[in-house]
Amino acid sequence: MEIRRLTGTAAVAATLAVAGVAVVAQPAAAAVSVSYRSSQGQFDNNPGSGAQAWAWVWTSSSIGAWIDVQYYDGTGGRLDTPGGTASSANLPKDVWIMRVCEYSKNQFNEVIWSCSGWKP
C-alpha cells in the first residue's frame, strides 16, 4: 500500500512537470526588509522564536511610521511605531507581502502619509 501511494505521488509530480504547471511554494526562511524614506520594516516567516512569523518597524521620522502586512490567506495586519522608535511583534501567520508607510508634514505643517510599494 505504501509503495502505491509513493508511486501515485511521483506520477502527479511528473504530470505537473510535463504540463508546465508551477507549484507555488511559500518563501524561504530569509527575512525580507523594506526601506522607505526615514523608515524600515522587516518580516521573517521563520524567526526561530516559536512564532509563526515576526515583524519589525523602525523610523527616524519625528511623527511615526507603520508597516502593513498581508498574509497568504488574504487577511492582514498593521504594526505602528511612534516617531524615533521601533516596534516588533510575533505574528500568527506567514506573511506574503509587506509595505512601509510613514507620516510626514507638508509645507503647510499638515500631517500627511505615504507608503512604499508592496514587497514579497
N, C-alpha and C. Protein backbone atom coordinates (compact mmCIF):
# COMPACT_ATOMS: atom_id res chain seq x y z
N MET A 1 0.81 -1.19 0.00
CA MET A 1 0.00 0.00 0.00
C MET A 1 0.86 1.26 0.00
N GLU A 2 1.92 1.28 0.80
CA GLU A 2 2.79 2.45 0.88
C GLU A 2 3.50 2.71 -0.44
N ILE A 3 3.93 1.65 -1.13
CA ILE A 3 4.61 1.82 -2.41
C ILE A 3 3.66 2.42 -3.44
N ARG A 4 2.41 2.02 -3.44
CA ARG A 4 1.43 2.55 -4.39
C ARG A 4 1.24 4.05 -4.16
N ARG A 5 1.19 4.49 -2.89
CA ARG A 5 0.99 5.90 -2.59
C ARG A 5 2.18 6.72 -3.09
N LEU A 6 3.39 6.24 -2.88
CA LEU A 6 4.57 6.94 -3.36
C LEU A 6 4.60 7.00 -4.88
N THR A 7 4.21 5.91 -5.53
CA THR A 7 4.16 5.88 -6.98
C THR A 7 3.15 6.89 -7.49
N GLY A 8 1.99 7.00 -6.83
CA GLY A 8 0.97 7.97 -7.23
C GLY A 8 1.48 9.40 -7.08
N THR A 9 2.20 9.66 -6.00
CA THR A 9 2.77 10.99 -5.78
C THR A 9 3.78 11.32 -6.85
N ALA A 10 4.62 10.37 -7.21
CA ALA A 10 5.61 10.59 -8.27
C ALA A 10 4.92 10.85 -9.60
N ALA A 11 3.83 10.14 -9.87
CA ALA A 11 3.09 10.35 -11.12
C ALA A 11 2.48 11.73 -11.18
N VAL A 12 1.95 12.21 -10.07
CA VAL A 12 1.38 13.57 -10.04
C VAL A 12 2.47 14.60 -10.27
N ALA A 13 3.62 14.43 -9.61
CA ALA A 13 4.74 15.37 -9.79
C ALA A 13 5.21 15.37 -11.24
N ALA A 14 5.30 14.19 -11.85
CA ALA A 14 5.73 14.10 -13.24
C ALA A 14 4.71 14.75 -14.16
N THR A 15 3.43 14.56 -13.88
CA THR A 15 2.38 15.17 -14.69
C THR A 15 2.46 16.68 -14.61
N LEU A 16 2.66 17.23 -13.41
CA LEU A 16 2.78 18.69 -13.26
C LEU A 16 4.00 19.21 -14.00
N ALA A 17 5.11 18.48 -13.95
CA ALA A 17 6.32 18.91 -14.64
C ALA A 17 6.11 18.91 -16.14
N VAL A 18 5.46 17.88 -16.67
CA VAL A 18 5.22 17.79 -18.11
C VAL A 18 4.22 18.85 -18.56
N ALA A 19 3.19 19.09 -17.74
CA ALA A 19 2.17 20.07 -18.11
C ALA A 19 2.68 21.49 -17.97
N GLY A 20 3.79 21.68 -17.27
CA GLY A 20 4.33 23.03 -17.11
C GLY A 20 3.60 23.82 -16.04
N VAL A 21 2.91 23.17 -15.14
CA VAL A 21 2.19 23.86 -14.09
C VAL A 21 3.16 24.19 -12.98
N ALA A 22 3.17 25.44 -12.57
CA ALA A 22 4.06 25.86 -11.49
C ALA A 22 3.39 25.62 -10.15
N VAL A 23 4.10 25.02 -9.25
CA VAL A 23 3.61 24.83 -7.90
C VAL A 23 4.21 25.95 -7.06
N VAL A 24 3.36 26.77 -6.45
CA VAL A 24 3.82 27.93 -5.70
C VAL A 24 4.17 27.50 -4.28
N ALA A 25 5.39 27.74 -3.90
CA ALA A 25 5.84 27.41 -2.55
C ALA A 25 5.87 28.68 -1.71
N GLN A 26 5.84 28.52 -0.42
CA GLN A 26 5.96 29.66 0.46
C GLN A 26 7.40 30.13 0.45
N PRO A 27 7.66 31.38 0.86
CA PRO A 27 9.00 31.94 0.75
C PRO A 27 10.01 31.22 1.63
N ALA A 28 11.27 31.40 1.28
CA ALA A 28 12.35 30.82 2.07
C ALA A 28 12.40 31.48 3.44
N ALA A 29 13.23 30.96 4.28
CA ALA A 29 13.31 31.43 5.66
C ALA A 29 13.94 32.81 5.79
N ALA A 30 14.57 33.33 4.77
CA ALA A 30 15.26 34.61 4.86
C ALA A 30 14.28 35.74 5.16
N ALA A 31 14.72 36.67 5.99
CA ALA A 31 13.90 37.84 6.32
C ALA A 31 13.83 38.77 5.11
N VAL A 32 12.74 39.51 5.01
CA VAL A 32 12.53 40.48 3.95
C VAL A 32 12.52 41.87 4.57
N SER A 33 13.32 42.79 4.03
CA SER A 33 13.39 44.16 4.53
C SER A 33 12.93 45.13 3.46
N VAL A 34 12.24 46.18 3.90
CA VAL A 34 11.81 47.25 3.01
C VAL A 34 12.19 48.58 3.67
N SER A 35 12.92 49.42 2.92
CA SER A 35 13.25 50.76 3.40
C SER A 35 12.43 51.77 2.62
N TYR A 36 11.94 52.79 3.32
CA TYR A 36 11.15 53.84 2.67
C TYR A 36 11.36 55.14 3.43
N ARG A 37 11.84 56.14 2.74
CA ARG A 37 12.14 57.44 3.33
C ARG A 37 13.00 57.28 4.58
N SER A 38 12.48 57.65 5.76
CA SER A 38 13.24 57.57 7.01
C SER A 38 12.87 56.35 7.83
N SER A 39 12.28 55.34 7.21
CA SER A 39 11.76 54.19 7.95
C SER A 39 12.17 52.87 7.30
N GLN A 40 12.06 51.82 8.10
CA GLN A 40 12.37 50.49 7.59
C GLN A 40 11.47 49.48 8.27
N GLY A 41 11.05 48.47 7.51
CA GLY A 41 10.26 47.37 8.05
C GLY A 41 10.87 46.06 7.65
N GLN A 42 10.54 45.03 8.41
CA GLN A 42 11.09 43.70 8.13
C GLN A 42 10.11 42.65 8.60
N PHE A 43 10.05 41.53 7.86
CA PHE A 43 9.32 40.37 8.35
C PHE A 43 10.15 39.12 8.12
N ASP A 44 9.87 38.12 8.95
CA ASP A 44 10.59 36.86 8.88
C ASP A 44 9.58 35.75 9.13
N ASN A 45 9.40 34.85 8.18
CA ASN A 45 8.45 33.76 8.32
C ASN A 45 9.03 32.55 9.04
N ASN A 46 10.26 32.65 9.48
CA ASN A 46 10.89 31.57 10.24
C ASN A 46 11.79 32.18 11.30
N PRO A 47 11.21 32.86 12.29
CA PRO A 47 12.02 33.63 13.23
C PRO A 47 12.82 32.82 14.23
N GLY A 48 12.52 31.53 14.39
CA GLY A 48 13.26 30.72 15.34
C GLY A 48 12.83 30.93 16.78
N SER A 49 11.79 31.73 16.99
CA SER A 49 11.31 32.01 18.35
C SER A 49 10.11 31.15 18.72
N GLY A 50 9.68 30.32 17.80
CA GLY A 50 8.48 29.52 18.04
C GLY A 50 7.24 30.16 17.46
N ALA A 51 7.32 31.45 17.11
CA ALA A 51 6.19 32.14 16.49
C ALA A 51 6.12 31.76 15.01
N GLN A 52 4.94 31.88 14.44
CA GLN A 52 4.78 31.59 13.01
C GLN A 52 5.59 32.58 12.17
N ALA A 53 5.52 33.87 12.54
CA ALA A 53 6.24 34.92 11.82
C ALA A 53 6.54 36.05 12.79
N TRP A 54 7.37 36.98 12.34
CA TRP A 54 7.80 38.10 13.17
C TRP A 54 7.89 39.32 12.28
N ALA A 55 7.56 40.50 12.81
CA ALA A 55 7.66 41.74 12.04
C ALA A 55 8.24 42.84 12.92
N TRP A 56 8.87 43.81 12.25
CA TRP A 56 9.55 44.89 12.95
C TRP A 56 9.42 46.15 12.10
N VAL A 57 9.26 47.30 12.75
CA VAL A 57 9.25 48.58 12.05
C VAL A 57 10.06 49.58 12.87
N TRP A 58 10.84 50.42 12.17
CA TRP A 58 11.67 51.44 12.80
C TRP A 58 11.54 52.71 11.98
N THR A 59 11.61 53.87 12.67
CA THR A 59 11.59 55.14 11.95
C THR A 59 12.41 56.18 12.68
N SER A 60 13.05 57.04 11.90
CA SER A 60 13.70 58.22 12.47
C SER A 60 12.82 59.45 12.24
N SER A 61 11.66 59.25 11.60
CA SER A 61 10.69 60.32 11.42
C SER A 61 10.25 60.82 12.79
N SER A 62 10.02 62.11 12.92
CA SER A 62 9.59 62.65 14.21
C SER A 62 8.12 62.35 14.50
N ILE A 63 7.38 61.93 13.50
CA ILE A 63 5.93 61.70 13.67
C ILE A 63 5.60 60.23 13.86
N GLY A 64 6.12 59.36 13.02
CA GLY A 64 5.85 57.93 13.17
C GLY A 64 5.77 57.20 11.84
N ALA A 65 5.64 55.89 11.94
CA ALA A 65 5.58 55.03 10.76
C ALA A 65 4.82 53.75 11.13
N TRP A 66 4.52 52.95 10.11
CA TRP A 66 3.89 51.65 10.33
C TRP A 66 4.20 50.75 9.15
N ILE A 67 3.97 49.46 9.38
CA ILE A 67 4.03 48.51 8.27
C ILE A 67 2.66 47.85 8.15
N ASP A 68 2.27 47.59 6.94
CA ASP A 68 1.09 46.79 6.65
C ASP A 68 1.60 45.44 6.15
N VAL A 69 1.05 44.36 6.68
CA VAL A 69 1.40 43.02 6.20
C VAL A 69 0.15 42.35 5.67
N GLN A 70 0.33 41.54 4.66
CA GLN A 70 -0.77 40.73 4.14
C GLN A 70 -0.32 39.27 4.20
N TYR A 71 -1.21 38.43 4.75
CA TYR A 71 -0.93 37.01 4.87
C TYR A 71 -1.37 36.29 3.59
N TYR A 72 -0.95 35.05 3.46
CA TYR A 72 -1.28 34.24 2.28
C TYR A 72 -2.77 34.01 2.13
N ASP A 73 -3.53 34.08 3.22
CA ASP A 73 -4.97 33.84 3.12
C ASP A 73 -5.77 35.11 2.80
N GLY A 74 -5.09 36.23 2.54
CA GLY A 74 -5.75 37.47 2.17
C GLY A 74 -6.03 38.40 3.33
N THR A 75 -5.90 37.94 4.56
CA THR A 75 -6.08 38.83 5.71
C THR A 75 -4.76 39.57 5.94
N GLY A 76 -4.77 40.50 6.88
CA GLY A 76 -3.56 41.26 7.12
C GLY A 76 -3.55 41.93 8.47
N GLY A 77 -2.55 42.75 8.67
CA GLY A 77 -2.42 43.45 9.93
C GLY A 77 -1.51 44.66 9.78
N ARG A 78 -1.39 45.41 10.87
CA ARG A 78 -0.60 46.63 10.88
C ARG A 78 0.19 46.70 12.17
N LEU A 79 1.42 47.20 12.08
CA LEU A 79 2.26 47.42 13.24
C LEU A 79 2.75 48.86 13.19
N ASP A 80 2.36 49.65 14.19
CA ASP A 80 2.70 51.08 14.27
C ASP A 80 3.89 51.31 15.20
N THR A 81 4.60 52.43 14.97
CA THR A 81 5.61 52.87 15.91
C THR A 81 5.63 54.39 15.92
N PRO A 82 5.75 54.99 17.11
CA PRO A 82 5.85 56.45 17.19
C PRO A 82 7.17 56.95 16.61
N GLY A 83 7.27 58.24 16.39
CA GLY A 83 8.48 58.83 15.83
C GLY A 83 9.73 58.52 16.62
N GLY A 84 10.81 58.20 15.92
CA GLY A 84 12.10 57.95 16.52
C GLY A 84 12.22 56.65 17.29
N THR A 85 11.32 55.69 17.05
CA THR A 85 11.34 54.44 17.80
C THR A 85 11.21 53.24 16.88
N ALA A 86 11.21 52.06 17.50
CA ALA A 86 11.00 50.80 16.79
C ALA A 86 9.97 49.98 17.55
N SER A 87 9.25 49.13 16.83
CA SER A 87 8.28 48.20 17.42
C SER A 87 8.41 46.87 16.72
N SER A 88 8.13 45.78 17.44
CA SER A 88 8.14 44.46 16.82
C SER A 88 6.98 43.65 17.38
N ALA A 89 6.64 42.58 16.67
CA ALA A 89 5.53 41.73 17.11
C ALA A 89 5.68 40.34 16.51
N ASN A 90 5.25 39.34 17.26
CA ASN A 90 5.10 37.99 16.72
C ASN A 90 3.77 37.95 15.98
N LEU A 91 3.73 37.29 14.85
CA LEU A 91 2.54 37.24 14.01
C LEU A 91 2.00 35.81 13.96
N PRO A 92 0.67 35.68 13.78
CA PRO A 92 0.04 34.36 13.83
C PRO A 92 0.14 33.55 12.54
N LYS A 93 0.54 34.20 11.44
CA LYS A 93 0.57 33.53 10.13
C LYS A 93 1.79 33.99 9.34
N ASP A 94 2.17 33.21 8.33
CA ASP A 94 3.24 33.63 7.43
C ASP A 94 2.80 34.84 6.62
N VAL A 95 3.74 35.76 6.42
CA VAL A 95 3.49 37.00 5.68
C VAL A 95 3.77 36.75 4.20
N TRP A 96 2.86 37.24 3.35
CA TRP A 96 3.04 37.16 1.90
C TRP A 96 3.74 38.42 1.39
N ILE A 97 3.19 39.61 1.70
CA ILE A 97 3.75 40.87 1.26
C ILE A 97 3.69 41.90 2.39
N MET A 98 4.52 42.94 2.26
CA MET A 98 4.60 43.99 3.27
C MET A 98 4.89 45.32 2.59
N ARG A 99 4.43 46.41 3.21
CA ARG A 99 4.82 47.75 2.78
C ARG A 99 5.10 48.59 4.01
N VAL A 100 5.94 49.62 3.84
CA VAL A 100 6.28 50.55 4.91
C VAL A 100 5.60 51.88 4.61
N CYS A 101 4.96 52.45 5.61
CA CYS A 101 4.30 53.74 5.46
C CYS A 101 4.85 54.71 6.51
N GLU A 102 4.86 55.99 6.16
CA GLU A 102 5.46 56.98 7.05
C GLU A 102 4.64 58.25 7.07
N TYR A 103 4.51 58.82 8.26
CA TYR A 103 3.90 60.13 8.42
C TYR A 103 4.96 61.20 8.19
N SER A 104 4.55 62.31 7.63
CA SER A 104 5.45 63.46 7.49
C SER A 104 4.57 64.71 7.49
N LYS A 105 5.19 65.86 7.35
CA LYS A 105 4.45 67.13 7.30
C LYS A 105 4.74 67.81 5.97
N ASN A 106 3.71 68.45 5.41
CA ASN A 106 3.90 69.18 4.16
C ASN A 106 4.30 70.63 4.46
N GLN A 107 4.36 71.43 3.42
CA GLN A 107 4.81 72.82 3.57
C GLN A 107 3.85 73.66 4.42
N PHE A 108 2.63 73.17 4.64
CA PHE A 108 1.64 73.88 5.47
C PHE A 108 1.61 73.33 6.89
N ASN A 109 2.58 72.48 7.23
CA ASN A 109 2.70 71.83 8.54
C ASN A 109 1.54 70.88 8.83
N GLU A 110 0.92 70.37 7.78
CA GLU A 110 -0.15 69.38 7.93
C GLU A 110 0.46 67.99 7.89
N VAL A 111 -0.06 67.10 8.71
CA VAL A 111 0.43 65.72 8.73
C VAL A 111 -0.14 64.97 7.52
N ILE A 112 0.74 64.37 6.77
CA ILE A 112 0.35 63.56 5.62
C ILE A 112 1.05 62.21 5.75
N TRP A 113 0.70 61.26 4.91
CA TRP A 113 1.36 59.96 4.93
C TRP A 113 1.53 59.46 3.52
N SER A 114 2.50 58.56 3.37
CA SER A 114 2.73 57.89 2.09
C SER A 114 3.35 56.54 2.38
N CYS A 115 3.28 55.65 1.38
CA CYS A 115 3.74 54.27 1.57
C CYS A 115 4.64 53.81 0.43
N SER A 116 5.49 52.86 0.74
CA SER A 116 6.29 52.19 -0.27
C SER A 116 5.38 51.27 -1.08
N GLY A 117 5.94 50.67 -2.09
CA GLY A 117 5.20 49.61 -2.79
C GLY A 117 5.21 48.35 -1.95
N TRP A 118 4.36 47.41 -2.31
CA TRP A 118 4.30 46.11 -1.62
C TRP A 118 5.49 45.27 -2.05
N LYS A 119 6.10 44.56 -1.10
CA LYS A 119 7.25 43.72 -1.41
C LYS A 119 7.02 42.31 -0.85
N PRO A 120 7.22 41.30 -1.69
CA PRO A 120 7.08 39.92 -1.20
C PRO A 120 8.33 39.47 -0.45
